[in-house]
Amino acid sequence: MDELVVAKVVGSEPEAELLCSLLRSAGIECAGRQTNLGAGAADGMPGGPYELVVRPQDLDDAREILRERSDTG
């Protein structure tokens, strides 16, 4: 994936992986990456907020899928 945009920020890596799996099942490439805030939050230990990043052309669809999921669950 070349240019990426943030579709959503979530609280942890497992949540990011779960939601990226949901997006991938809908045909949207997704990656989770630790935010700058999360990278320094635990003195190098994993944790903190993660960004769900997608291609710009998938942003609207990704946000809609994520919104529907948060409305139902």
N, C-alpha and C. Protein backbone atom coordinates (compact mmCIF):
# COMPACT_ATOMS: atom_id res chain seq x y z
N MET A 1 0.86 -1.18 0.00
CA MET A 1 0.00 0.00 0.00
C MET A 1 0.90 1.23 0.00
N ASP A 2 0.65 2.15 -0.91
CA ASP A 2 1.48 3.33 -1.02
C ASP A 2 1.00 4.43 -0.08
N GLU A 3 0.18 5.31 -0.59
CA GLU A 3 -0.34 6.41 0.20
C GLU A 3 -1.49 5.89 1.07
N LEU A 4 -1.44 6.19 2.35
CA LEU A 4 -2.46 5.68 3.27
C LEU A 4 -3.09 6.83 4.03
N VAL A 5 -4.35 6.63 4.41
CA VAL A 5 -5.06 7.61 5.22
C VAL A 5 -5.67 6.89 6.42
N VAL A 6 -5.88 7.63 7.48
CA VAL A 6 -6.41 7.06 8.72
C VAL A 6 -7.93 6.98 8.63
N ALA A 7 -8.45 5.76 8.77
CA ALA A 7 -9.90 5.56 8.78
C ALA A 7 -10.46 5.66 10.19
N LYS A 8 -9.66 5.24 11.18
CA LYS A 8 -10.14 5.23 12.56
C LYS A 8 -8.95 5.03 13.48
N VAL A 9 -9.04 5.55 14.69
CA VAL A 9 -8.05 5.30 15.73
C VAL A 9 -8.73 4.47 16.81
N VAL A 10 -8.07 3.38 17.19
CA VAL A 10 -8.62 2.48 18.22
C VAL A 10 -7.63 2.37 19.37
N GLY A 11 -8.06 1.74 20.45
CA GLY A 11 -7.28 1.75 21.67
C GLY A 11 -6.17 0.74 21.79
N SER A 12 -6.15 -0.29 20.94
CA SER A 12 -5.14 -1.34 21.13
C SER A 12 -4.85 -2.07 19.82
N GLU A 13 -3.75 -2.79 19.80
CA GLU A 13 -3.38 -3.59 18.63
C GLU A 13 -4.39 -4.69 18.35
N PRO A 14 -4.86 -5.44 19.37
CA PRO A 14 -5.86 -6.48 19.07
C PRO A 14 -7.14 -5.93 18.45
N GLU A 15 -7.59 -4.77 18.91
CA GLU A 15 -8.78 -4.16 18.33
C GLU A 15 -8.50 -3.75 16.88
N ALA A 16 -7.32 -3.21 16.63
CA ALA A 16 -6.95 -2.83 15.26
C ALA A 16 -6.94 -4.05 14.35
N GLU A 17 -6.38 -5.14 14.81
CA GLU A 17 -6.33 -6.37 13.99
C GLU A 17 -7.73 -6.90 13.71
N LEU A 18 -8.59 -6.88 14.71
CA LEU A 18 -9.97 -7.35 14.53
C LEU A 18 -10.69 -6.51 13.47
N LEU A 19 -10.59 -5.20 13.58
CA LEU A 19 -11.29 -4.33 12.65
C LEU A 19 -10.67 -4.38 11.25
N CYS A 20 -9.35 -4.53 11.17
CA CYS A 20 -8.73 -4.69 9.86
C CYS A 20 -9.20 -5.99 9.20
N SER A 21 -9.37 -7.03 9.98
CA SER A 21 -9.89 -8.29 9.43
C SER A 21 -11.28 -8.09 8.85
N LEU A 22 -12.10 -7.32 9.54
CA LEU A 22 -13.43 -7.00 9.06
C LEU A 22 -13.36 -6.26 7.72
N LEU A 23 -12.49 -5.27 7.64
CA LEU A 23 -12.34 -4.52 6.40
C LEU A 23 -11.80 -5.40 5.28
N ARG A 24 -10.83 -6.23 5.59
CA ARG A 24 -10.27 -7.13 4.57
C ARG A 24 -11.33 -8.07 4.03
N SER A 25 -12.23 -8.53 4.90
CA SER A 25 -13.28 -9.44 4.45
C SER A 25 -14.24 -8.73 3.49
N ALA A 26 -14.24 -7.39 3.53
CA ALA A 26 -15.07 -6.61 2.61
C ALA A 26 -14.27 -6.16 1.39
N GLY A 27 -13.03 -6.65 1.27
CA GLY A 27 -12.22 -6.34 0.10
C GLY A 27 -11.41 -5.05 0.21
N ILE A 28 -11.28 -4.53 1.42
CA ILE A 28 -10.53 -3.29 1.64
C ILE A 28 -9.20 -3.63 2.31
N GLU A 29 -8.09 -3.24 1.67
CA GLU A 29 -6.79 -3.45 2.28
C GLU A 29 -6.68 -2.53 3.49
N CYS A 30 -6.14 -3.06 4.57
CA CYS A 30 -6.08 -2.32 5.82
C CYS A 30 -4.81 -2.71 6.56
N ALA A 31 -4.27 -1.76 7.30
CA ALA A 31 -3.13 -2.05 8.18
C ALA A 31 -3.33 -1.28 9.48
N GLY A 32 -2.83 -1.85 10.54
CA GLY A 32 -2.84 -1.17 11.82
C GLY A 32 -1.44 -0.67 12.12
N ARG A 33 -1.33 0.56 12.56
CA ARG A 33 -0.02 1.07 12.94
C ARG A 33 -0.15 1.87 14.23
N GLN A 34 0.85 1.74 15.05
CA GLN A 34 0.83 2.43 16.34
C GLN A 34 0.97 3.93 16.10
N THR A 35 0.19 4.70 16.84
CA THR A 35 0.29 6.15 16.72
C THR A 35 1.57 6.63 17.39
N ASN A 36 1.96 7.85 17.11
CA ASN A 36 3.12 8.43 17.77
C ASN A 36 2.92 8.48 19.28
N LEU A 37 1.71 8.76 19.71
CA LEU A 37 1.39 8.78 21.13
C LEU A 37 1.58 7.41 21.75
N GLY A 38 1.10 6.38 21.08
CA GLY A 38 1.22 5.02 21.59
C GLY A 38 2.65 4.54 21.61
N ALA A 39 3.46 4.98 20.65
CA ALA A 39 4.84 4.52 20.55
C ALA A 39 5.66 4.92 21.76
N GLY A 40 5.35 6.03 22.40
CA GLY A 40 6.12 6.46 23.56
C GLY A 40 5.41 6.25 24.88
N ALA A 41 4.25 5.63 24.84
CA ALA A 41 3.42 5.54 26.03
C ALA A 41 3.92 4.57 27.07
N ALA A 42 4.61 3.52 26.66
CA ALA A 42 4.98 2.48 27.62
C ALA A 42 6.48 2.17 27.58
N ASP A 43 7.29 3.19 27.37
CA ASP A 43 8.75 3.02 27.35
C ASP A 43 9.18 1.88 26.44
N GLY A 44 8.66 1.86 25.22
CA GLY A 44 9.06 0.86 24.25
C GLY A 44 8.25 -0.42 24.26
N MET A 45 7.42 -0.61 25.24
CA MET A 45 6.56 -1.79 25.27
C MET A 45 5.35 -1.55 24.37
N PRO A 46 4.86 -2.59 23.71
CA PRO A 46 3.69 -2.40 22.84
C PRO A 46 2.48 -1.95 23.64
N GLY A 47 1.67 -1.16 23.01
CA GLY A 47 0.44 -0.70 23.66
C GLY A 47 0.07 0.68 23.16
N GLY A 48 -1.05 1.16 23.62
CA GLY A 48 -1.50 2.48 23.22
C GLY A 48 -2.33 2.45 21.96
N PRO A 49 -2.73 3.63 21.51
CA PRO A 49 -3.63 3.73 20.37
C PRO A 49 -3.00 3.26 19.06
N TYR A 50 -3.85 2.73 18.19
CA TYR A 50 -3.46 2.28 16.85
C TYR A 50 -4.35 2.95 15.83
N GLU A 51 -3.76 3.28 14.68
CA GLU A 51 -4.51 3.82 13.56
C GLU A 51 -4.83 2.70 12.59
N LEU A 52 -6.04 2.69 12.08
CA LEU A 52 -6.41 1.81 10.98
C LEU A 52 -6.21 2.63 9.72
N VAL A 53 -5.30 2.20 8.86
CA VAL A 53 -5.00 2.96 7.65
C VAL A 53 -5.42 2.17 6.42
N VAL A 54 -5.97 2.91 5.45
CA VAL A 54 -6.48 2.33 4.21
C VAL A 54 -6.05 3.24 3.05
N ARG A 55 -6.27 2.75 1.83
CA ARG A 55 -6.01 3.58 0.65
C ARG A 55 -7.06 4.69 0.59
N PRO A 56 -6.67 5.86 0.08
CA PRO A 56 -7.63 6.98 0.03
C PRO A 56 -8.94 6.63 -0.67
N GLN A 57 -8.88 5.84 -1.73
CA GLN A 57 -10.11 5.51 -2.47
C GLN A 57 -11.04 4.59 -1.68
N ASP A 58 -10.53 3.96 -0.62
CA ASP A 58 -11.34 3.06 0.21
C ASP A 58 -11.85 3.72 1.49
N LEU A 59 -11.45 4.97 1.72
CA LEU A 59 -11.74 5.62 3.00
C LEU A 59 -13.23 5.67 3.33
N ASP A 60 -14.04 6.15 2.41
CA ASP A 60 -15.48 6.29 2.70
C ASP A 60 -16.12 4.94 2.99
N ASP A 61 -15.81 3.93 2.19
CA ASP A 61 -16.37 2.60 2.41
C ASP A 61 -15.90 2.03 3.75
N ALA A 62 -14.62 2.21 4.06
CA ALA A 62 -14.08 1.69 5.32
C ALA A 62 -14.77 2.34 6.50
N ARG A 63 -14.93 3.64 6.46
CA ARG A 63 -15.59 4.35 7.58
C ARG A 63 -17.04 3.91 7.72
N GLU A 64 -17.72 3.67 6.61
CA GLU A 64 -19.10 3.22 6.67
C GLU A 64 -19.19 1.83 7.31
N ILE A 65 -18.31 0.93 6.92
CA ILE A 65 -18.30 -0.42 7.50
C ILE A 65 -18.01 -0.35 8.99
N LEU A 66 -17.04 0.46 9.37
CA LEU A 66 -16.69 0.59 10.79
C LEU A 66 -17.81 1.24 11.58
N ARG A 67 -18.49 2.21 10.98
CA ARG A 67 -19.62 2.87 11.65
C ARG A 67 -20.76 1.87 11.87
N GLU A 68 -21.05 1.06 10.83
CA GLU A 68 -22.10 0.06 10.97
C GLU A 68 -21.77 -0.93 12.07
N ARG A 69 -20.52 -1.32 12.17
CA ARG A 69 -20.11 -2.28 13.20
C ARG A 69 -20.27 -1.66 14.59
N SER A 70 -19.89 -0.41 14.74
CA SER A 70 -19.98 0.22 16.05
C SER A 70 -21.44 0.45 16.44
N ASP A 71 -22.31 0.64 15.45
CA ASP A 71 -23.74 0.82 15.74
C ASP A 71 -24.39 -0.47 16.20
N THR A 72 -23.86 -1.62 15.76
CA THR A 72 -24.47 -2.90 16.10
C THR A 72 -23.76 -3.63 17.21
N GLY A 73 -22.58 -3.19 17.55
CA GLY A 73 -21.91 -4.04 18.48
C GLY A 73 -21.09 -3.49 19.51
